[in-house]
Amino acid sequence: MEPLEIFTVETTVPSEAAAYESILKDIISELAFSRTIGRIKVRIRPEDSLFMMVILLRRGLPPIKAGEISDTEFDREHAKVVITVRDEKTIPQFLDRLWEQFGRQNVIQPERNIIEVASDLEIVDKFIAELIVDDPEKTIRERLADMAIRATPEGFRIRYHSLDSGKFVFVASEDTMQQDWIDEANVMMKELEGDDS
């Protein structure tokens, strides 16, 4: 696991800090977030039924375009675009995007790394090259929420979270969400951004 720049767990029950830190490290490892998360700070106040987590992500990951992981060729004779995918692990997402764009009936996969799109328009191969196959930011957003929920104490079902410009803020409680808690979590984020220790 790549080391985090900052990893802090604060709790009003100091004996629980190490356990929470261990749980979080396991979750980060399991979800393969070690390269994605740069800094993390957690604050737990059991007496207030409050769990807060702020995460500063490492530099953002740009969307992956089809042209970066494949080669396209227009087959005029058979009115189709032939795509040779070089990064096989992206094939499921690639197919999903092509199905959304052209319909399942127009997309065939005759071989593991070959996809064909029925079209008599030569410009389609240029369009495909610009097609976003995978958006890591979107995937990360979903997985961060999953991570935070896994780390949250049992019964903390009232939740707030946001992800903006690589800054993830999460607050959970058993009680009604309070704006003061969200404000406090945002202050934690500012502290985390400014903390270069």
N, C-alpha and C. Protein backbone atom coordinates (compact mmCIF):
# COMPACT_ATOMS: atom_id res chain seq x y z
N MET A 1 0.85 -1.18 0.00
CA MET A 1 0.00 0.00 0.00
C MET A 1 0.89 1.24 0.00
N GLU A 2 0.64 2.13 -0.96
CA GLU A 2 1.39 3.38 -1.02
C GLU A 2 1.05 4.21 0.21
N PRO A 3 2.04 4.79 0.88
CA PRO A 3 1.74 5.51 2.11
C PRO A 3 0.91 6.76 1.86
N LEU A 4 -0.01 7.00 2.77
CA LEU A 4 -0.81 8.22 2.71
C LEU A 4 0.05 9.37 3.22
N GLU A 5 -0.14 10.54 2.65
CA GLU A 5 0.60 11.72 3.11
C GLU A 5 0.22 12.03 4.56
N ILE A 6 -1.09 11.98 4.82
CA ILE A 6 -1.61 12.25 6.17
C ILE A 6 -2.75 11.26 6.42
N PHE A 7 -2.72 10.64 7.60
CA PHE A 7 -3.78 9.73 8.00
C PHE A 7 -4.00 9.96 9.49
N THR A 8 -5.10 10.63 9.82
CA THR A 8 -5.37 10.99 11.21
C THR A 8 -6.73 10.47 11.63
N VAL A 9 -6.78 9.86 12.80
CA VAL A 9 -8.06 9.44 13.39
C VAL A 9 -8.14 10.09 14.76
N GLU A 10 -9.16 10.94 14.94
CA GLU A 10 -9.39 11.60 16.23
C GLU A 10 -10.67 11.04 16.82
N THR A 11 -10.61 10.70 18.09
CA THR A 11 -11.82 10.24 18.76
C THR A 11 -11.79 10.64 20.22
N THR A 12 -12.97 10.82 20.77
CA THR A 12 -13.06 11.18 22.19
C THR A 12 -12.83 9.95 23.07
N VAL A 13 -12.72 8.78 22.45
CA VAL A 13 -12.37 7.55 23.16
C VAL A 13 -11.03 7.10 22.57
N PRO A 14 -9.91 7.64 23.08
CA PRO A 14 -8.59 7.39 22.49
C PRO A 14 -8.24 5.93 22.27
N SER A 15 -8.74 5.04 23.10
CA SER A 15 -8.41 3.62 22.95
C SER A 15 -8.99 3.02 21.67
N GLU A 16 -9.98 3.70 21.06
CA GLU A 16 -10.59 3.19 19.83
C GLU A 16 -9.90 3.68 18.55
N ALA A 17 -9.02 4.67 18.66
CA ALA A 17 -8.39 5.28 17.48
C ALA A 17 -7.63 4.26 16.64
N ALA A 18 -6.84 3.42 17.29
CA ALA A 18 -6.03 2.43 16.56
C ALA A 18 -6.92 1.43 15.82
N ALA A 19 -8.03 1.04 16.45
CA ALA A 19 -8.94 0.08 15.82
C ALA A 19 -9.58 0.69 14.57
N TYR A 20 -10.02 1.95 14.68
CA TYR A 20 -10.61 2.62 13.51
C TYR A 20 -9.58 2.78 12.40
N GLU A 21 -8.35 3.12 12.77
CA GLU A 21 -7.29 3.30 11.78
C GLU A 21 -7.03 1.97 11.06
N SER A 22 -7.02 0.89 11.79
CA SER A 22 -6.80 -0.43 11.20
C SER A 22 -7.94 -0.80 10.25
N ILE A 23 -9.17 -0.56 10.68
CA ILE A 23 -10.34 -0.85 9.84
C ILE A 23 -10.26 -0.04 8.54
N LEU A 24 -9.94 1.24 8.65
CA LEU A 24 -9.85 2.09 7.46
C LEU A 24 -8.75 1.65 6.52
N LYS A 25 -7.60 1.28 7.07
CA LYS A 25 -6.50 0.80 6.22
C LYS A 25 -6.91 -0.46 5.47
N ASP A 26 -7.63 -1.36 6.14
CA ASP A 26 -8.10 -2.58 5.48
C ASP A 26 -9.07 -2.24 4.34
N ILE A 27 -9.98 -1.31 4.59
CA ILE A 27 -10.96 -0.92 3.57
C ILE A 27 -10.27 -0.25 2.39
N ILE A 28 -9.32 0.64 2.69
CA ILE A 28 -8.58 1.33 1.63
C ILE A 28 -7.83 0.31 0.77
N SER A 29 -7.23 -0.66 1.40
CA SER A 29 -6.50 -1.71 0.68
C SER A 29 -7.45 -2.56 -0.15
N GLU A 30 -8.55 -2.98 0.47
CA GLU A 30 -9.52 -3.83 -0.21
C GLU A 30 -10.11 -3.16 -1.44
N LEU A 31 -10.38 -1.86 -1.35
CA LEU A 31 -10.97 -1.13 -2.48
C LEU A 31 -9.91 -0.55 -3.42
N ALA A 32 -8.65 -0.88 -3.18
CA ALA A 32 -7.54 -0.42 -4.03
C ALA A 32 -7.51 1.10 -4.17
N PHE A 33 -7.62 1.79 -3.04
CA PHE A 33 -7.61 3.25 -3.02
C PHE A 33 -6.25 3.83 -2.66
N SER A 34 -5.26 3.00 -2.42
CA SER A 34 -4.00 3.51 -1.89
C SER A 34 -3.33 4.54 -2.80
N ARG A 35 -3.51 4.41 -4.10
CA ARG A 35 -2.92 5.40 -5.01
C ARG A 35 -3.82 6.60 -5.22
N THR A 36 -5.07 6.46 -4.89
CA THR A 36 -6.05 7.51 -5.14
C THR A 36 -6.13 8.51 -3.99
N ILE A 37 -6.08 8.01 -2.75
CA ILE A 37 -6.23 8.86 -1.57
C ILE A 37 -4.87 9.42 -1.17
N GLY A 38 -4.80 10.74 -1.03
CA GLY A 38 -3.57 11.38 -0.58
C GLY A 38 -3.58 11.63 0.91
N ARG A 39 -4.68 12.18 1.39
CA ARG A 39 -4.80 12.52 2.82
C ARG A 39 -6.19 12.14 3.31
N ILE A 40 -6.24 11.74 4.58
CA ILE A 40 -7.52 11.37 5.17
C ILE A 40 -7.52 11.77 6.64
N LYS A 41 -8.66 12.28 7.07
CA LYS A 41 -8.82 12.64 8.47
C LYS A 41 -10.21 12.19 8.91
N VAL A 42 -10.25 11.52 10.06
CA VAL A 42 -11.50 11.00 10.60
C VAL A 42 -11.68 11.54 12.00
N ARG A 43 -12.91 11.92 12.32
CA ARG A 43 -13.23 12.37 13.67
C ARG A 43 -14.48 11.61 14.12
N ILE A 44 -14.37 10.99 15.31
CA ILE A 44 -15.48 10.21 15.85
C ILE A 44 -15.81 10.72 17.25
N ARG A 45 -17.09 11.02 17.45
CA ARG A 45 -17.56 11.43 18.78
C ARG A 45 -18.76 10.53 19.14
N PRO A 46 -18.49 9.40 19.79
CA PRO A 46 -19.58 8.48 20.14
C PRO A 46 -20.67 9.15 20.97
N GLU A 47 -20.29 10.06 21.86
CA GLU A 47 -21.29 10.72 22.72
C GLU A 47 -22.28 11.55 21.92
N ASP A 48 -21.90 11.98 20.71
CA ASP A 48 -22.80 12.74 19.84
C ASP A 48 -23.35 11.88 18.70
N SER A 49 -23.03 10.58 18.71
CA SER A 49 -23.37 9.67 17.60
C SER A 49 -22.91 10.29 16.28
N LEU A 50 -21.64 10.66 16.23
CA LEU A 50 -21.12 11.41 15.09
C LEU A 50 -19.85 10.76 14.53
N PHE A 51 -19.84 10.61 13.20
CA PHE A 51 -18.67 10.10 12.48
C PHE A 51 -18.44 11.04 11.30
N MET A 52 -17.22 11.59 11.20
CA MET A 52 -16.88 12.49 10.10
C MET A 52 -15.60 12.00 9.44
N MET A 53 -15.57 12.10 8.12
CA MET A 53 -14.39 11.70 7.37
C MET A 53 -14.20 12.70 6.23
N VAL A 54 -12.97 13.19 6.09
CA VAL A 54 -12.64 14.04 4.94
C VAL A 54 -11.44 13.42 4.24
N ILE A 55 -11.49 13.43 2.93
CA ILE A 55 -10.45 12.81 2.12
C ILE A 55 -10.04 13.77 1.02
N LEU A 56 -8.75 13.92 0.88
CA LEU A 56 -8.19 14.71 -0.20
C LEU A 56 -7.55 13.72 -1.17
N LEU A 57 -8.08 13.68 -2.38
CA LEU A 57 -7.57 12.74 -3.37
C LEU A 57 -6.28 13.26 -3.99
N ARG A 58 -5.48 12.33 -4.45
CA ARG A 58 -4.29 12.71 -5.19
C ARG A 58 -4.75 13.32 -6.51
N ARG A 59 -3.82 13.82 -7.29
CA ARG A 59 -4.18 14.46 -8.57
C ARG A 59 -5.26 13.67 -9.28
N GLY A 60 -6.21 14.38 -9.84
CA GLY A 60 -7.34 13.75 -10.52
C GLY A 60 -6.93 12.87 -11.69
N LEU A 61 -7.71 11.86 -11.89
CA LEU A 61 -7.48 10.95 -13.00
C LEU A 61 -8.35 11.38 -14.17
N PRO A 62 -7.74 11.63 -15.33
CA PRO A 62 -8.54 12.07 -16.48
C PRO A 62 -9.38 10.92 -17.03
N PRO A 63 -10.47 11.26 -17.71
CA PRO A 63 -11.27 10.22 -18.35
C PRO A 63 -10.44 9.48 -19.40
N ILE A 64 -10.76 8.23 -19.59
CA ILE A 64 -10.05 7.41 -20.58
C ILE A 64 -10.87 7.41 -21.87
N LYS A 65 -10.26 7.89 -22.94
CA LYS A 65 -10.93 7.92 -24.24
C LYS A 65 -10.59 6.66 -25.02
N ALA A 66 -11.52 6.26 -25.86
CA ALA A 66 -11.34 5.04 -26.64
C ALA A 66 -10.06 5.09 -27.47
N GLY A 67 -9.74 6.25 -28.03
CA GLY A 67 -8.55 6.38 -28.86
C GLY A 67 -7.25 6.12 -28.13
N GLU A 68 -7.27 6.22 -26.79
CA GLU A 68 -6.07 5.99 -25.99
C GLU A 68 -5.80 4.50 -25.76
N ILE A 69 -6.84 3.69 -25.89
CA ILE A 69 -6.70 2.26 -25.56
C ILE A 69 -7.07 1.35 -26.72
N SER A 70 -7.31 1.94 -27.90
CA SER A 70 -7.72 1.12 -29.04
C SER A 70 -7.31 1.77 -30.35
N ASP A 71 -7.41 0.98 -31.40
CA ASP A 71 -7.19 1.47 -32.77
C ASP A 71 -8.48 1.24 -33.54
N THR A 72 -8.89 2.22 -34.33
CA THR A 72 -10.10 2.05 -35.13
C THR A 72 -9.75 2.12 -36.61
N GLU A 73 -10.55 1.41 -37.38
CA GLU A 73 -10.33 1.36 -38.82
C GLU A 73 -11.71 1.27 -39.49
N PHE A 74 -11.92 2.10 -40.50
CA PHE A 74 -13.20 2.08 -41.21
C PHE A 74 -13.14 1.06 -42.34
N ASP A 75 -14.05 0.11 -42.33
CA ASP A 75 -14.14 -0.91 -43.37
C ASP A 75 -15.29 -0.51 -44.29
N ARG A 76 -14.93 0.21 -45.36
CA ARG A 76 -15.92 0.76 -46.29
C ARG A 76 -16.73 -0.35 -46.98
N GLU A 77 -16.04 -1.41 -47.35
CA GLU A 77 -16.69 -2.51 -48.09
C GLU A 77 -17.83 -3.14 -47.28
N HIS A 78 -17.62 -3.31 -45.97
CA HIS A 78 -18.64 -3.95 -45.12
C HIS A 78 -19.42 -2.94 -44.26
N ALA A 79 -19.20 -1.66 -44.49
CA ALA A 79 -19.90 -0.58 -43.77
C ALA A 79 -19.86 -0.78 -42.25
N LYS A 80 -18.61 -0.84 -41.75
CA LYS A 80 -18.46 -0.99 -40.30
C LYS A 80 -17.13 -0.39 -39.86
N VAL A 81 -17.08 -0.09 -38.57
CA VAL A 81 -15.84 0.37 -37.94
C VAL A 81 -15.32 -0.80 -37.12
N VAL A 82 -14.05 -1.14 -37.33
CA VAL A 82 -13.44 -2.25 -36.60
C VAL A 82 -12.53 -1.65 -35.54
N ILE A 83 -12.78 -2.03 -34.29
CA ILE A 83 -12.02 -1.50 -33.15
C ILE A 83 -11.17 -2.62 -32.57
N THR A 84 -9.88 -2.37 -32.46
CA THR A 84 -8.98 -3.32 -31.82
C THR A 84 -8.61 -2.73 -30.46
N VAL A 85 -9.06 -3.38 -29.41
CA VAL A 85 -8.86 -2.87 -28.06
C VAL A 85 -7.54 -3.39 -27.51
N ARG A 86 -6.66 -2.46 -27.10
CA ARG A 86 -5.34 -2.86 -26.57
C ARG A 86 -5.38 -3.11 -25.07
N ASP A 87 -6.34 -2.52 -24.36
CA ASP A 87 -6.44 -2.69 -22.91
C ASP A 87 -7.69 -3.51 -22.62
N GLU A 88 -7.51 -4.83 -22.53
CA GLU A 88 -8.65 -5.74 -22.43
C GLU A 88 -9.52 -5.54 -21.19
N LYS A 89 -8.93 -5.02 -20.12
CA LYS A 89 -9.76 -4.87 -18.90
C LYS A 89 -10.82 -3.78 -19.06
N THR A 90 -10.72 -2.97 -20.11
CA THR A 90 -11.72 -1.92 -20.35
C THR A 90 -12.83 -2.37 -21.28
N ILE A 91 -12.77 -3.59 -21.79
CA ILE A 91 -13.75 -4.06 -22.78
C ILE A 91 -15.19 -3.98 -22.26
N PRO A 92 -15.50 -4.40 -21.01
CA PRO A 92 -16.90 -4.28 -20.56
C PRO A 92 -17.42 -2.84 -20.61
N GLN A 93 -16.62 -1.87 -20.12
CA GLN A 93 -17.05 -0.47 -20.17
C GLN A 93 -17.15 0.00 -21.62
N PHE A 94 -16.20 -0.43 -22.44
CA PHE A 94 -16.16 -0.06 -23.85
C PHE A 94 -17.48 -0.49 -24.52
N LEU A 95 -17.84 -1.76 -24.31
CA LEU A 95 -19.08 -2.27 -24.89
C LEU A 95 -20.30 -1.50 -24.39
N ASP A 96 -20.34 -1.23 -23.09
CA ASP A 96 -21.47 -0.46 -22.53
C ASP A 96 -21.63 0.88 -23.24
N ARG A 97 -20.53 1.60 -23.43
CA ARG A 97 -20.59 2.93 -24.07
C ARG A 97 -21.03 2.82 -25.52
N LEU A 98 -20.50 1.80 -26.21
CA LEU A 98 -20.89 1.62 -27.62
C LEU A 98 -22.36 1.23 -27.74
N TRP A 99 -22.84 0.37 -26.84
CA TRP A 99 -24.26 0.00 -26.86
C TRP A 99 -25.14 1.21 -26.61
N GLU A 100 -24.75 2.05 -25.65
CA GLU A 100 -25.52 3.27 -25.37
C GLU A 100 -25.59 4.15 -26.61
N GLN A 101 -24.46 4.28 -27.30
CA GLN A 101 -24.34 5.21 -28.41
C GLN A 101 -24.95 4.68 -29.71
N PHE A 102 -24.74 3.38 -29.99
CA PHE A 102 -25.13 2.84 -31.30
C PHE A 102 -26.18 1.75 -31.24
N GLY A 103 -26.54 1.30 -30.05
CA GLY A 103 -27.52 0.23 -29.90
C GLY A 103 -26.85 -1.14 -29.97
N ARG A 104 -27.35 -2.08 -29.18
CA ARG A 104 -26.74 -3.41 -29.12
C ARG A 104 -26.72 -4.11 -30.48
N GLN A 105 -27.77 -3.89 -31.26
CA GLN A 105 -27.87 -4.57 -32.55
C GLN A 105 -26.78 -4.13 -33.53
N ASN A 106 -26.17 -2.99 -33.31
CA ASN A 106 -25.13 -2.48 -34.22
C ASN A 106 -23.70 -2.71 -33.71
N VAL A 107 -23.58 -3.40 -32.59
CA VAL A 107 -22.25 -3.63 -32.00
C VAL A 107 -22.05 -5.13 -31.82
N ILE A 108 -21.00 -5.65 -32.44
CA ILE A 108 -20.68 -7.07 -32.29
C ILE A 108 -19.23 -7.24 -31.85
N GLN A 109 -18.98 -8.34 -31.15
CA GLN A 109 -17.64 -8.63 -30.65
C GLN A 109 -17.23 -10.01 -31.19
N PRO A 110 -16.65 -10.06 -32.41
CA PRO A 110 -16.31 -11.35 -33.00
C PRO A 110 -15.12 -12.04 -32.32
N GLU A 111 -14.25 -11.26 -31.68
CA GLU A 111 -13.11 -11.81 -30.95
C GLU A 111 -12.98 -11.05 -29.64
N ARG A 112 -12.19 -11.58 -28.71
CA ARG A 112 -12.05 -10.98 -27.38
C ARG A 112 -11.69 -9.49 -27.44
N ASN A 113 -10.72 -9.12 -28.27
CA ASN A 113 -10.28 -7.72 -28.28
C ASN A 113 -10.69 -6.98 -29.56
N ILE A 114 -11.64 -7.53 -30.31
CA ILE A 114 -12.15 -6.88 -31.53
C ILE A 114 -13.63 -6.56 -31.33
N ILE A 115 -13.98 -5.32 -31.62
CA ILE A 115 -15.39 -4.91 -31.56
C ILE A 115 -15.70 -4.25 -32.90
N GLU A 116 -16.87 -4.57 -33.45
CA GLU A 116 -17.28 -3.98 -34.72
C GLU A 116 -18.56 -3.19 -34.52
N VAL A 117 -18.59 -2.00 -35.12
CA VAL A 117 -19.77 -1.14 -35.06
C VAL A 117 -20.27 -0.96 -36.48
N ALA A 118 -21.52 -1.39 -36.72
CA ALA A 118 -22.10 -1.26 -38.05
C ALA A 118 -22.41 0.21 -38.33
N SER A 119 -21.79 0.73 -39.39
CA SER A 119 -22.03 2.11 -39.80
C SER A 119 -21.44 2.32 -41.18
N ASP A 120 -22.16 3.07 -41.99
CA ASP A 120 -21.62 3.38 -43.31
C ASP A 120 -21.01 4.78 -43.32
N LEU A 121 -20.90 5.39 -42.15
CA LEU A 121 -20.33 6.73 -42.05
C LEU A 121 -18.87 6.65 -41.60
N GLU A 122 -17.98 7.14 -42.42
CA GLU A 122 -16.56 7.09 -42.11
C GLU A 122 -16.21 7.91 -40.87
N ILE A 123 -17.01 8.95 -40.57
CA ILE A 123 -16.70 9.80 -39.41
C ILE A 123 -16.92 9.08 -38.09
N VAL A 124 -17.63 7.98 -38.10
CA VAL A 124 -17.91 7.25 -36.86
C VAL A 124 -16.61 6.80 -36.18
N ASP A 125 -15.60 6.40 -36.96
CA ASP A 125 -14.36 5.95 -36.33
C ASP A 125 -13.66 7.09 -35.61
N LYS A 126 -13.78 8.31 -36.11
CA LYS A 126 -13.21 9.47 -35.41
C LYS A 126 -14.00 9.78 -34.14
N PHE A 127 -15.33 9.62 -34.22
CA PHE A 127 -16.18 9.83 -33.05
C PHE A 127 -15.83 8.81 -31.96
N ILE A 128 -15.66 7.55 -32.37
CA ILE A 128 -15.34 6.49 -31.41
C ILE A 128 -14.02 6.80 -30.70
N ALA A 129 -13.04 7.32 -31.42
CA ALA A 129 -11.74 7.63 -30.81
C ALA A 129 -11.89 8.62 -29.65
N GLU A 130 -12.87 9.51 -29.72
CA GLU A 130 -13.10 10.51 -28.66
C GLU A 130 -14.07 10.04 -27.59
N LEU A 131 -14.70 8.89 -27.79
CA LEU A 131 -15.69 8.36 -26.85
C LEU A 131 -15.04 8.07 -25.50
N ILE A 132 -15.64 8.54 -24.42
CA ILE A 132 -15.10 8.28 -23.08
C ILE A 132 -15.54 6.88 -22.65
N VAL A 133 -14.55 6.02 -22.50
CA VAL A 133 -14.79 4.63 -22.15
C VAL A 133 -14.96 4.48 -20.64
N ASP A 134 -14.14 5.18 -19.89
CA ASP A 134 -14.19 5.07 -18.43
C ASP A 134 -13.91 6.43 -17.83
N ASP A 135 -14.70 6.78 -16.83
CA ASP A 135 -14.50 8.03 -16.12
C ASP A 135 -14.13 7.70 -14.68
N PRO A 136 -12.82 7.65 -14.39
CA PRO A 136 -12.39 7.26 -13.05
C PRO A 136 -12.99 8.12 -11.94
N GLU A 137 -13.21 9.41 -12.20
CA GLU A 137 -13.81 10.29 -11.18
C GLU A 137 -15.18 9.78 -10.76
N LYS A 138 -15.99 9.38 -11.74
CA LYS A 138 -17.34 8.88 -11.43
C LYS A 138 -17.24 7.58 -10.63
N THR A 139 -16.36 6.70 -11.07
CA THR A 139 -16.17 5.43 -10.37
C THR A 139 -15.68 5.67 -8.95
N ILE A 140 -14.74 6.59 -8.81
CA ILE A 140 -14.20 6.91 -7.49
C ILE A 140 -15.28 7.47 -6.59
N ARG A 141 -16.13 8.34 -7.11
CA ARG A 141 -17.22 8.91 -6.32
C ARG A 141 -18.07 7.80 -5.70
N GLU A 142 -18.46 6.83 -6.51
CA GLU A 142 -19.29 5.73 -6.02
C GLU A 142 -18.54 4.89 -4.99
N ARG A 143 -17.27 4.61 -5.26
CA ARG A 143 -16.49 3.77 -4.37
C ARG A 143 -16.14 4.49 -3.07
N LEU A 144 -15.95 5.81 -3.11
CA LEU A 144 -15.67 6.56 -1.88
C LEU A 144 -16.86 6.49 -0.94
N ALA A 145 -18.05 6.64 -1.48
CA ALA A 145 -19.25 6.55 -0.64
C ALA A 145 -19.34 5.16 -0.02
N ASP A 146 -19.04 4.13 -0.80
CA ASP A 146 -19.04 2.76 -0.29
C ASP A 146 -18.02 2.61 0.83
N MET A 147 -16.83 3.16 0.62
CA MET A 147 -15.77 3.08 1.63
C MET A 147 -16.21 3.75 2.93
N ALA A 148 -16.78 4.94 2.81
CA ALA A 148 -17.20 5.69 4.00
C ALA A 148 -18.29 4.94 4.76
N ILE A 149 -19.23 4.36 4.03
CA ILE A 149 -20.32 3.62 4.67
C ILE A 149 -19.76 2.39 5.40
N ARG A 150 -18.80 1.71 4.80
CA ARG A 150 -18.18 0.55 5.46
C ARG A 150 -17.46 0.94 6.75
N ALA A 151 -16.85 2.12 6.74
CA ALA A 151 -16.09 2.57 7.91
C ALA A 151 -16.97 3.13 9.02
N THR A 152 -18.19 3.47 8.68
CA THR A 152 -19.10 4.10 9.64
C THR A 152 -19.58 3.09 10.68
N PRO A 153 -19.65 3.51 11.95
CA PRO A 153 -20.18 2.61 12.97
C PRO A 153 -21.60 2.15 12.65
N GLU A 154 -21.91 0.96 13.10
CA GLU A 154 -23.22 0.35 12.88
C GLU A 154 -24.33 1.28 13.38
N GLY A 155 -25.38 1.42 12.59
CA GLY A 155 -26.54 2.20 13.01
C GLY A 155 -26.49 3.68 12.60
N PHE A 156 -25.37 4.14 12.07
CA PHE A 156 -25.26 5.54 11.65
C PHE A 156 -25.83 5.66 10.23
N ARG A 157 -27.15 5.72 10.16
CA ARG A 157 -27.83 5.66 8.86
C ARG A 157 -28.16 7.02 8.26
N ILE A 158 -28.03 8.07 9.03
CA ILE A 158 -28.27 9.42 8.50
C ILE A 158 -26.92 9.91 7.98
N ARG A 159 -26.85 10.15 6.65
CA ARG A 159 -25.54 10.46 6.07
C ARG A 159 -25.60 11.65 5.13
N TYR A 160 -24.46 12.31 5.06
CA TYR A 160 -24.24 13.39 4.09
C TYR A 160 -22.88 13.15 3.47
N HIS A 161 -22.77 13.33 2.15
CA HIS A 161 -21.45 13.29 1.53
C HIS A 161 -21.42 14.17 0.29
N SER A 162 -20.22 14.64 -0.01
CA SER A 162 -20.01 15.43 -1.23
C SER A 162 -18.60 15.16 -1.75
N LEU A 163 -18.45 15.27 -3.05
CA LEU A 163 -17.14 15.15 -3.69
C LEU A 163 -17.05 16.28 -4.69
N ASP A 164 -16.08 17.14 -4.48
CA ASP A 164 -15.91 18.28 -5.36
C ASP A 164 -14.42 18.56 -5.52
N SER A 165 -13.94 18.55 -6.74
CA SER A 165 -12.53 18.85 -7.05
C SER A 165 -11.57 18.02 -6.22
N GLY A 166 -11.85 16.74 -6.10
CA GLY A 166 -10.95 15.85 -5.38
C GLY A 166 -11.04 15.93 -3.86
N LYS A 167 -12.10 16.59 -3.35
CA LYS A 167 -12.30 16.72 -1.90
C LYS A 167 -13.59 16.00 -1.52
N PHE A 168 -13.45 14.97 -0.70
CA PHE A 168 -14.60 14.17 -0.27
C PHE A 168 -14.90 14.47 1.18
N VAL A 169 -16.15 14.84 1.46
CA VAL A 169 -16.60 15.14 2.82
C VAL A 169 -17.74 14.19 3.15
N PHE A 170 -17.65 13.53 4.30
CA PHE A 170 -18.67 12.55 4.70
C PHE A 170 -18.99 12.75 6.18
N VAL A 171 -20.28 12.78 6.49
CA VAL A 171 -20.75 12.91 7.87
C VAL A 171 -21.87 11.88 8.06
N ALA A 172 -21.82 11.15 9.18
CA ALA A 172 -22.85 10.16 9.47
C ALA A 172 -23.22 10.22 10.95
N SER A 173 -24.48 9.87 11.21
CA SER A 173 -24.97 9.90 12.59
C SER A 173 -26.17 8.98 12.73
N GLU A 174 -26.51 8.70 13.99
CA GLU A 174 -27.76 8.00 14.28
C GLU A 174 -28.90 9.01 14.38
N ASP A 175 -28.53 10.26 14.61
CA ASP A 175 -29.52 11.32 14.84
C ASP A 175 -29.72 12.16 13.59
N THR A 176 -30.63 13.08 13.66
CA THR A 176 -30.89 14.01 12.56
C THR A 176 -29.62 14.79 12.22
N MET A 177 -29.34 14.89 10.93
CA MET A 177 -28.14 15.59 10.48
C MET A 177 -28.23 17.07 10.88
N GLN A 178 -27.12 17.57 11.38
CA GLN A 178 -27.06 18.98 11.78
C GLN A 178 -26.11 19.73 10.86
N GLN A 179 -26.50 20.92 10.46
CA GLN A 179 -25.66 21.74 9.59
C GLN A 179 -24.30 22.04 10.25
N ASP A 180 -24.29 22.16 11.59
CA ASP A 180 -23.04 22.41 12.32
C ASP A 180 -22.02 21.30 12.05
N TRP A 181 -22.49 20.06 11.95
CA TRP A 181 -21.58 18.94 11.70
C TRP A 181 -20.98 19.03 10.30
N ILE A 182 -21.82 19.36 9.33
CA ILE A 182 -21.34 19.51 7.95
C ILE A 182 -20.33 20.65 7.89
N ASP A 183 -20.64 21.75 8.58
CA ASP A 183 -19.71 22.89 8.63
C ASP A 183 -18.38 22.48 9.27
N GLU A 184 -18.48 21.70 10.35
CA GLU A 184 -17.27 21.23 11.04
C GLU A 184 -16.43 20.34 10.12
N ALA A 185 -17.11 19.48 9.36
CA ALA A 185 -16.39 18.60 8.42
C ALA A 185 -15.70 19.44 7.33
N ASN A 186 -16.36 20.49 6.87
CA ASN A 186 -15.74 21.36 5.87
C ASN A 186 -14.53 22.10 6.43
N VAL A 187 -14.57 22.45 7.72
CA VAL A 187 -13.40 23.06 8.38
C VAL A 187 -12.28 22.02 8.46
N MET A 188 -12.64 20.77 8.78
CA MET A 188 -11.64 19.69 8.80
C MET A 188 -10.95 19.59 7.44
N MET A 189 -11.74 19.71 6.36
CA MET A 189 -11.16 19.63 5.02
C MET A 189 -10.17 20.76 4.79
N LYS A 190 -10.52 21.97 5.20
CA LYS A 190 -9.61 23.10 5.04
C LYS A 190 -8.30 22.86 5.82
N GLU A 191 -8.44 22.31 7.02
CA GLU A 191 -7.26 21.97 7.83
C GLU A 191 -6.41 20.91 7.11
N LEU A 192 -7.07 19.93 6.53
CA LEU A 192 -6.36 18.86 5.83
C LEU A 192 -5.62 19.39 4.60
N GLU A 193 -6.26 20.30 3.89
CA GLU A 193 -5.62 20.91 2.71
C GLU A 193 -4.38 21.72 3.10
N GLY A 194 -4.48 22.40 4.24
CA GLY A 194 -3.38 23.27 4.66
C GLY A 194 -2.31 22.58 5.47
N ASP A 195 -2.58 21.34 5.89
CA ASP A 195 -1.64 20.62 6.76
C ASP A 195 -0.53 19.98 5.93
N ASP A 196 0.64 20.54 5.97
CA ASP A 196 1.78 19.98 5.23
C ASP A 196 2.79 19.35 6.15
N SER A 197 2.34 18.97 7.32
CA SER A 197 3.27 18.36 8.29
C SER A 197 3.58 16.94 7.91
